[in-house]
Amino acid sequence: MFQRVKTILLLIQSTLCEEYNVDEKIIFATMYVESGYNFNANNPLCTGIMEINKGYAQYFCDTLNISNITSPENNIRCGVY
């Protein structure tokens, strides 16, 4: 299971990093520091593996044309953006 999650994370991350021209190492470091790679990280202000501030949820949904910031792919997309 862990290997499957890791593979999915790498695929999502490398695709998004390439799309937004961001170094993957920065994103891996951010995910580690913000959530310890926990997809379900949540606190009163932030959510997801990238710990995206909930106050910016609407901005990200509108700007990136996504429906929410909680799915792993969308959360990483917000963090890479």
PDB file of N, CA and C in Angstrom:
ATOM      1  N   MET A   1       0.831  -1.200   0.000  1.00  0.00           N
ATOM      2  CA  MET A   1       0.000   0.000   0.000  1.00  0.00           C
ATOM      3  C   MET A   1       0.871   1.258   0.000  1.00  0.00           C
ATOM      4  N   PHE A   2       1.887   1.304   0.889  1.00  0.00           N
ATOM      5  CA  PHE A   2       2.754   2.473   0.959  1.00  0.00           C
ATOM      6  C   PHE A   2       3.406   2.748  -0.390  1.00  0.00           C
ATOM      7  N   GLN A   3       3.860   1.715  -1.068  1.00  0.00           N
ATOM      8  CA  GLN A   3       4.519   1.890  -2.364  1.00  0.00           C
ATOM      9  C   GLN A   3       3.549   2.474  -3.386  1.00  0.00           C
ATOM     10  N   ARG A   4       2.307   2.050  -3.334  1.00  0.00           N
ATOM     11  CA  ARG A   4       1.287   2.564  -4.257  1.00  0.00           C
ATOM     12  C   ARG A   4       1.054   4.058  -4.013  1.00  0.00           C
ATOM     13  N   VAL A   5       0.938   4.440  -2.754  1.00  0.00           N
ATOM     14  CA  VAL A   5       0.741   5.850  -2.407  1.00  0.00           C
ATOM     15  C   VAL A   5       1.952   6.661  -2.849  1.00  0.00           C
ATOM     16  N   LYS A   6       3.140   6.133  -2.602  1.00  0.00           N
ATOM     17  CA  LYS A   6       4.362   6.827  -2.989  1.00  0.00           C
ATOM     18  C   LYS A   6       4.410   7.024  -4.506  1.00  0.00           C
ATOM     19  N   THR A   7       4.046   5.995  -5.256  1.00  0.00           N
ATOM     20  CA  THR A   7       4.043   6.075  -6.715  1.00  0.00           C
ATOM     21  C   THR A   7       3.060   7.132  -7.197  1.00  0.00           C
ATOM     22  N   ILE A   8       1.866   7.145  -6.619  1.00  0.00           N
ATOM     23  CA  ILE A   8       0.852   8.136  -6.998  1.00  0.00           C
ATOM     24  C   ILE A   8       1.347   9.540  -6.672  1.00  0.00           C
ATOM     25  N   LEU A   9       1.920   9.708  -5.484  1.00  0.00           N
ATOM     26  CA  LEU A   9       2.453  11.010  -5.085  1.00  0.00           C
ATOM     27  C   LEU A   9       3.521  11.494  -6.048  1.00  0.00           C
ATOM     28  N   LEU A  10       4.428  10.617  -6.406  1.00  0.00           N
ATOM     29  CA  LEU A  10       5.509  10.991  -7.318  1.00  0.00           C
ATOM     30  C   LEU A  10       4.974  11.394  -8.687  1.00  0.00           C
ATOM     31  N   LEU A  11       4.000  10.654  -9.169  1.00  0.00           N
ATOM     32  CA  LEU A  11       3.407  10.954 -10.469  1.00  0.00           C
ATOM     33  C   LEU A  11       2.706  12.310 -10.448  1.00  0.00           C
ATOM     34  N   ILE A  12       1.874  12.515  -9.454  1.00  0.00           N
ATOM     35  CA  ILE A  12       1.156  13.786  -9.333  1.00  0.00           C
ATOM     36  C   ILE A  12       2.151  14.924  -9.201  1.00  0.00           C
ATOM     37  N   GLN A  13       3.088  14.738  -8.309  1.00  0.00           N
ATOM     38  CA  GLN A  13       4.032  15.800  -8.019  1.00  0.00           C
ATOM     39  C   GLN A  13       4.907  16.140  -9.212  1.00  0.00           C
ATOM     40  N   SER A  14       5.454  15.128  -9.870  1.00  0.00           N
ATOM     41  CA  SER A  14       6.350  15.425 -10.995  1.00  0.00           C
ATOM     42  C   SER A  14       5.591  16.088 -12.142  1.00  0.00           C
ATOM     43  N   THR A  15       4.367  15.670 -12.377  1.00  0.00           N
ATOM     44  CA  THR A  15       3.551  16.280 -13.424  1.00  0.00           C
ATOM     45  C   THR A  15       3.259  17.742 -13.094  1.00  0.00           C
ATOM     46  N   LEU A  16       2.858  18.003 -11.856  1.00  0.00           N
ATOM     47  CA  LEU A  16       2.529  19.371 -11.452  1.00  0.00           C
ATOM     48  C   LEU A  16       3.769  20.252 -11.397  1.00  0.00           C
ATOM     49  N   CYS A  17       4.869  19.691 -10.909  1.00  0.00           N
ATOM     50  CA  CYS A  17       6.107  20.473 -10.841  1.00  0.00           C
ATOM     51  C   CYS A  17       6.575  20.862 -12.230  1.00  0.00           C
ATOM     52  N   GLU A  18       6.421  19.955 -13.166  1.00  0.00           N
ATOM     53  CA  GLU A  18       6.797  20.256 -14.545  1.00  0.00           C
ATOM     54  C   GLU A  18       5.864  21.335 -15.116  1.00  0.00           C
ATOM     55  N   GLU A  19       4.566  21.179 -14.838  1.00  0.00           N
ATOM     56  CA  GLU A  19       3.574  22.133 -15.351  1.00  0.00           C
ATOM     57  C   GLU A  19       3.838  23.556 -14.839  1.00  0.00           C
ATOM     58  N   TYR A  20       4.207  23.679 -13.561  1.00  0.00           N
ATOM     59  CA  TYR A  20       4.404  25.000 -12.956  1.00  0.00           C
ATOM     60  C   TYR A  20       5.875  25.381 -12.811  1.00  0.00           C
ATOM     61  N   ASN A  21       6.764  24.536 -13.347  1.00  0.00           N
ATOM     62  CA  ASN A  21       8.206  24.803 -13.325  1.00  0.00           C
ATOM     63  C   ASN A  21       8.731  25.039 -11.904  1.00  0.00           C
ATOM     64  N   VAL A  22       8.426  24.091 -11.019  1.00  0.00           N
ATOM     65  CA  VAL A  22       8.858  24.156  -9.622  1.00  0.00           C
ATOM     66  C   VAL A  22       9.711  22.923  -9.328  1.00  0.00           C
ATOM     67  N   ASP A  23      10.800  23.107  -8.612  1.00  0.00           N
ATOM     68  CA  ASP A  23      11.687  22.011  -8.247  1.00  0.00           C
ATOM     69  C   ASP A  23      10.958  21.024  -7.321  1.00  0.00           C
ATOM     70  N   GLU A  24      10.956  19.749  -7.690  1.00  0.00           N
ATOM     71  CA  GLU A  24      10.272  18.725  -6.902  1.00  0.00           C
ATOM     72  C   GLU A  24      10.786  18.641  -5.472  1.00  0.00           C
ATOM     73  N   LYS A  25      12.070  18.873  -5.277  1.00  0.00           N
ATOM     74  CA  LYS A  25      12.643  18.782  -3.931  1.00  0.00           C
ATOM     75  C   LYS A  25      11.987  19.785  -2.984  1.00  0.00           C
ATOM     76  N   ILE A  26      11.661  20.943  -3.497  1.00  0.00           N
ATOM     77  CA  ILE A  26      10.993  21.960  -2.670  1.00  0.00           C
ATOM     78  C   ILE A  26       9.617  21.457  -2.242  1.00  0.00           C
ATOM     79  N   ILE A  27       8.900  20.814  -3.168  1.00  0.00           N
ATOM     80  CA  ILE A  27       7.554  20.333  -2.852  1.00  0.00           C
ATOM     81  C   ILE A  27       7.617  19.178  -1.866  1.00  0.00           C
ATOM     82  N   PHE A  28       8.543  18.230  -2.065  1.00  0.00           N
ATOM     83  CA  PHE A  28       8.691  17.134  -1.103  1.00  0.00           C
ATOM     84  C   PHE A  28       9.025  17.679   0.283  1.00  0.00           C
ATOM     85  N   ALA A  29       9.919  18.658   0.348  1.00  0.00           N
ATOM     86  CA  ALA A  29      10.287  19.244   1.633  1.00  0.00           C
ATOM     87  C   ALA A  29       9.092  19.930   2.282  1.00  0.00           C
ATOM     88  N   THR A  30       8.311  20.640   1.475  1.00  0.00           N
ATOM     89  CA  THR A  30       7.128  21.325   2.006  1.00  0.00           C
ATOM     90  C   THR A  30       6.124  20.327   2.558  1.00  0.00           C
ATOM     91  N   MET A  31       5.866  19.248   1.824  1.00  0.00           N
ATOM     92  CA  MET A  31       4.923  18.231   2.299  1.00  0.00           C
ATOM     93  C   MET A  31       5.410  17.608   3.600  1.00  0.00           C
ATOM     94  N   TYR A  32       6.717  17.374   3.695  1.00  0.00           N
ATOM     95  CA  TYR A  32       7.269  16.779   4.916  1.00  0.00           C
ATOM     96  C   TYR A  32       7.111  17.721   6.109  1.00  0.00           C
ATOM     97  N   VAL A  33       7.482  18.978   5.924  1.00  0.00           N
ATOM     98  CA  VAL A  33       7.435  19.946   7.024  1.00  0.00           C
ATOM     99  C   VAL A  33       5.992  20.258   7.422  1.00  0.00           C
ATOM    100  N   GLU A  34       5.128  20.440   6.444  1.00  0.00           N
ATOM    101  CA  GLU A  34       3.750  20.849   6.730  1.00  0.00           C
ATOM    102  C   GLU A  34       2.895  19.736   7.322  1.00  0.00           C
ATOM    103  N   SER A  35       3.019  18.513   6.797  1.00  0.00           N
ATOM    104  CA  SER A  35       2.092  17.463   7.229  1.00  0.00           C
ATOM    105  C   SER A  35       2.745  16.116   7.526  1.00  0.00           C
ATOM    106  N   GLY A  36       4.048  16.009   7.323  1.00  0.00           N
ATOM    107  CA  GLY A  36       4.684  14.697   7.492  1.00  0.00           C
ATOM    108  C   GLY A  36       4.180  13.702   6.467  1.00  0.00           C
ATOM    109  N   TYR A  37       3.823  14.193   5.272  1.00  0.00           N
ATOM    110  CA  TYR A  37       3.274  13.401   4.159  1.00  0.00           C
ATOM    111  C   TYR A  37       1.904  12.803   4.485  1.00  0.00           C
ATOM    112  N   ASN A  38       1.160  13.448   5.362  1.00  0.00           N
ATOM    113  CA  ASN A  38      -0.165  12.965   5.749  1.00  0.00           C
ATOM    114  C   ASN A  38      -1.228  13.593   4.849  1.00  0.00           C
ATOM    115  N   PHE A  39      -1.854  12.754   4.005  1.00  0.00           N
ATOM    116  CA  PHE A  39      -2.915  13.233   3.113  1.00  0.00           C
ATOM    117  C   PHE A  39      -4.079  13.847   3.900  1.00  0.00           C
ATOM    118  N   ASN A  40      -4.321  13.339   5.099  1.00  0.00           N
ATOM    119  CA  ASN A  40      -5.486  13.743   5.886  1.00  0.00           C
ATOM    120  C   ASN A  40      -5.167  14.802   6.935  1.00  0.00           C
ATOM    121  N   ALA A  41      -4.023  15.445   6.837  1.00  0.00           N
ATOM    122  CA  ALA A  41      -3.667  16.476   7.811  1.00  0.00           C
ATOM    123  C   ALA A  41      -4.755  17.544   7.834  1.00  0.00           C
ATOM    124  N   ASN A  42      -5.076  17.985   9.029  1.00  0.00           N
ATOM    125  CA  ASN A  42      -6.148  18.969   9.158  1.00  0.00           C
ATOM    126  C   ASN A  42      -5.999  19.681  10.496  1.00  0.00           C
ATOM    127  N   ASN A  43      -6.129  20.969  10.482  1.00  0.00           N
ATOM    128  CA  ASN A  43      -6.193  21.753  11.712  1.00  0.00           C
ATOM    129  C   ASN A  43      -7.197  22.865  11.468  1.00  0.00           C
ATOM    130  N   PRO A  44      -7.477  23.688  12.456  1.00  0.00           N
ATOM    131  CA  PRO A  44      -8.516  24.705  12.247  1.00  0.00           C
ATOM    132  C   PRO A  44      -8.263  25.656  11.067  1.00  0.00           C
ATOM    133  N   LEU A  45      -6.996  25.864  10.702  1.00  0.00           N
ATOM    134  CA  LEU A  45      -6.693  26.819   9.636  1.00  0.00           C
ATOM    135  C   LEU A  45      -6.316  26.189   8.308  1.00  0.00           C
ATOM    136  N   CYS A  46      -5.736  24.987   8.325  1.00  0.00           N
ATOM    137  CA  CYS A  46      -5.159  24.410   7.108  1.00  0.00           C
ATOM    138  C   CYS A  46      -5.591  22.960   6.916  1.00  0.00           C
ATOM    139  N   THR A  47      -5.437  22.482   5.670  1.00  0.00           N
ATOM    140  CA  THR A  47      -5.865  21.122   5.375  1.00  0.00           C
ATOM    141  C   THR A  47      -4.990  20.471   4.315  1.00  0.00           C
ATOM    142  N   GLY A  48      -4.878  19.157   4.401  1.00  0.00           N
ATOM    143  CA  GLY A  48      -4.224  18.357   3.368  1.00  0.00           C
ATOM    144  C   GLY A  48      -2.726  18.232   3.515  1.00  0.00           C
ATOM    145  N   ILE A  49      -2.153  17.431   2.635  1.00  0.00           N
ATOM    146  CA  ILE A  49      -0.731  17.120   2.674  1.00  0.00           C
ATOM    147  C   ILE A  49       0.146  18.363   2.547  1.00  0.00           C
ATOM    148  N   MET A  50      -0.343  19.383   1.855  1.00  0.00           N
ATOM    149  CA  MET A  50       0.407  20.630   1.713  1.00  0.00           C
ATOM    150  C   MET A  50      -0.015  21.677   2.742  1.00  0.00           C
ATOM    151  N   GLU A  51      -0.991  21.318   3.609  1.00  0.00           N
ATOM    152  CA  GLU A  51      -1.513  22.227   4.638  1.00  0.00           C
ATOM    153  C   GLU A  51      -1.905  23.573   4.029  1.00  0.00           C
ATOM    154  N   ILE A  52      -2.790  23.508   3.057  1.00  0.00           N
ATOM    155  CA  ILE A  52      -3.285  24.717   2.388  1.00  0.00           C
ATOM    156  C   ILE A  52      -4.238  25.459   3.327  1.00  0.00           C
ATOM    157  N   ASN A  53      -4.024  26.748   3.447  1.00  0.00           N
ATOM    158  CA  ASN A  53      -4.853  27.574   4.310  1.00  0.00           C
ATOM    159  C   ASN A  53      -6.286  27.579   3.783  1.00  0.00           C
ATOM    160  N   LYS A  54      -7.219  27.228   4.656  1.00  0.00           N
ATOM    161  CA  LYS A  54      -8.629  27.140   4.253  1.00  0.00           C
ATOM    162  C   LYS A  54      -9.192  28.491   3.813  1.00  0.00           C
ATOM    163  N   GLY A  55      -8.614  29.569   4.291  1.00  0.00           N
ATOM    164  CA  GLY A  55      -9.060  30.906   3.905  1.00  0.00           C
ATOM    165  C   GLY A  55      -8.838  31.200   2.428  1.00  0.00           C
ATOM    166  N   TYR A  56      -7.942  30.443   1.801  1.00  0.00           N
ATOM    167  CA  TYR A  56      -7.654  30.632   0.375  1.00  0.00           C
ATOM    168  C   TYR A  56      -8.354  29.593  -0.506  1.00  0.00           C
ATOM    169  N   ALA A  57      -9.191  28.769   0.086  1.00  0.00           N
ATOM    170  CA  ALA A  57      -9.844  27.687  -0.657  1.00  0.00           C
ATOM    171  C   ALA A  57     -10.600  28.202  -1.881  1.00  0.00           C
ATOM    172  N   GLN A  58     -11.414  29.217  -1.704  1.00  0.00           N
ATOM    173  CA  GLN A  58     -12.205  29.722  -2.823  1.00  0.00           C
ATOM    174  C   GLN A  58     -11.312  30.288  -3.915  1.00  0.00           C
ATOM    175  N   TYR A  59     -10.266  31.002  -3.525  1.00  0.00           N
ATOM    176  CA  TYR A  59      -9.317  31.550  -4.496  1.00  0.00           C
ATOM    177  C   TYR A  59      -8.718  30.426  -5.343  1.00  0.00           C
ATOM    178  N   PHE A  60      -8.224  29.375  -4.682  1.00  0.00           N
ATOM    179  CA  PHE A  60      -7.620  28.262  -5.418  1.00  0.00           C
ATOM    180  C   PHE A  60      -8.641  27.553  -6.299  1.00  0.00           C
ATOM    181  N   CYS A  61      -9.847  27.341  -5.775  1.00  0.00           N
ATOM    182  CA  CYS A  61     -10.880  26.679  -6.581  1.00  0.00           C
ATOM    183  C   CYS A  61     -11.193  27.484  -7.838  1.00  0.00           C
ATOM    184  N   ASP A  62     -11.314  28.783  -7.697  1.00  0.00           N
ATOM    185  CA  ASP A  62     -11.608  29.638  -8.849  1.00  0.00           C
ATOM    186  C   ASP A  62     -10.423  29.725  -9.806  1.00  0.00           C
ATOM    187  N   THR A  63      -9.246  29.949  -9.275  1.00  0.00           N
ATOM    188  CA  THR A  63      -8.057  30.146 -10.094  1.00  0.00           C
ATOM    189  C   THR A  63      -7.625  28.886 -10.824  1.00  0.00           C
ATOM    190  N   LEU A  64      -7.684  27.747 -10.118  1.00  0.00           N
ATOM    191  CA  LEU A  64      -7.196  26.488 -10.690  1.00  0.00           C
ATOM    192  C   LEU A  64      -8.318  25.629 -11.270  1.00  0.00           C
ATOM    193  N   ASN A  65      -9.543  26.138 -11.208  1.00  0.00           N
ATOM    194  CA  ASN A  65     -10.702  25.418 -11.728  1.00  0.00           C
ATOM    195  C   ASN A  65     -10.821  24.025 -11.110  1.00  0.00           C
ATOM    196  N   ILE A  66     -10.777  23.984  -9.785  1.00  0.00           N
ATOM    197  CA  ILE A  66     -10.941  22.730  -9.051  1.00  0.00           C
ATOM    198  C   ILE A  66     -12.159  22.866  -8.146  1.00  0.00           C
ATOM    199  N   SER A  67     -12.690  21.730  -7.689  1.00  0.00           N
ATOM    200  CA  SER A  67     -13.906  21.776  -6.882  1.00  0.00           C
ATOM    201  C   SER A  67     -13.624  21.859  -5.384  1.00  0.00           C
ATOM    202  N   ASN A  68     -12.447  21.417  -4.951  1.00  0.00           N
ATOM    203  CA  ASN A  68     -12.101  21.487  -3.533  1.00  0.00           C
ATOM    204  C   ASN A  68     -10.593  21.394  -3.366  1.00  0.00           C
ATOM    205  N   ILE A  69     -10.113  21.721  -2.165  1.00  0.00           N
ATOM    206  CA  ILE A  69      -8.666  21.667  -1.919  1.00  0.00           C
ATOM    207  C   ILE A  69      -8.277  20.463  -1.077  1.00  0.00           C
ATOM    208  N   THR A  70      -9.211  19.561  -0.826  1.00  0.00           N
ATOM    209  CA  THR A  70      -8.925  18.460   0.091  1.00  0.00           C
ATOM    210  C   THR A  70      -8.432  17.180  -0.578  1.00  0.00           C
ATOM    211  N   SER A  71      -8.740  16.967  -1.843  1.00  0.00           N
ATOM    212  CA  SER A  71      -8.230  15.746  -2.483  1.00  0.00           C
ATOM    213  C   SER A  71      -6.714  15.874  -2.607  1.00  0.00           C
ATOM    214  N   PRO A  72      -5.987  14.780  -2.500  1.00  0.00           N
ATOM    215  CA  PRO A  72      -4.525  14.862  -2.576  1.00  0.00           C
ATOM    216  C   PRO A  72      -4.020  15.581  -3.829  1.00  0.00           C
ATOM    217  N   GLU A  73      -4.571  15.263  -4.983  1.00  0.00           N
ATOM    218  CA  GLU A  73      -4.116  15.893  -6.208  1.00  0.00           C
ATOM    219  C   GLU A  73      -4.375  17.400  -6.186  1.00  0.00           C
ATOM    220  N   ASN A  74      -5.575  17.799  -5.807  1.00  0.00           N
ATOM    221  CA  ASN A  74      -5.901  19.221  -5.754  1.00  0.00           C
ATOM    222  C   ASN A  74      -5.089  19.951  -4.698  1.00  0.00           C
ATOM    223  N   ASN A  75      -4.873  19.314  -3.558  1.00  0.00           N
ATOM    224  CA  ASN A  75      -4.109  19.930  -2.486  1.00  0.00           C
ATOM    225  C   ASN A  75      -2.667  20.156  -2.928  1.00  0.00           C
ATOM    226  N   ILE A  76      -2.078  19.169  -3.580  1.00  0.00           N
ATOM    227  CA  ILE A  76      -0.716  19.318  -4.080  1.00  0.00           C
ATOM    228  C   ILE A  76      -0.680  20.369  -5.187  1.00  0.00           C
ATOM    229  N   ARG A  77      -1.683  20.380  -6.054  1.00  0.00           N
ATOM    230  CA  ARG A  77      -1.746  21.386  -7.118  1.00  0.00           C
ATOM    231  C   ARG A  77      -1.741  22.796  -6.507  1.00  0.00           C
ATOM    232  N   CYS A  78      -2.523  23.007  -5.463  1.00  0.00           N
ATOM    233  CA  CYS A  78      -2.546  24.313  -4.793  1.00  0.00           C
ATOM    234  C   CYS A  78      -1.165  24.652  -4.240  1.00  0.00           C
ATOM    235  N   GLY A  79      -0.517  23.690  -3.623  1.00  0.00           N
ATOM    236  CA  GLY A  79       0.789  23.935  -3.037  1.00  0.00           C
ATOM    237  C   GLY A  79       1.874  24.208  -4.068  1.00  0.00           C
ATOM    238  N   VAL A  80       1.787  23.544  -5.203  1.00  0.00           N
ATOM    239  CA  VAL A  80       2.780  23.752  -6.257  1.00  0.00           C
ATOM    240  C   VAL A  80       2.530  25.082  -6.948  1.00  0.00           C
ATOM    241  N   TYR A  81       1.248  25.448  -7.105  1.00  0.00           N
ATOM    242  CA  TYR A  81       0.884  26.687  -7.790  1.00  0.00           C
ATOM    243  C   TYR A  81       1.477  27.878  -7.069  1.00  0.00           C
TER     244      TYR A  81
END
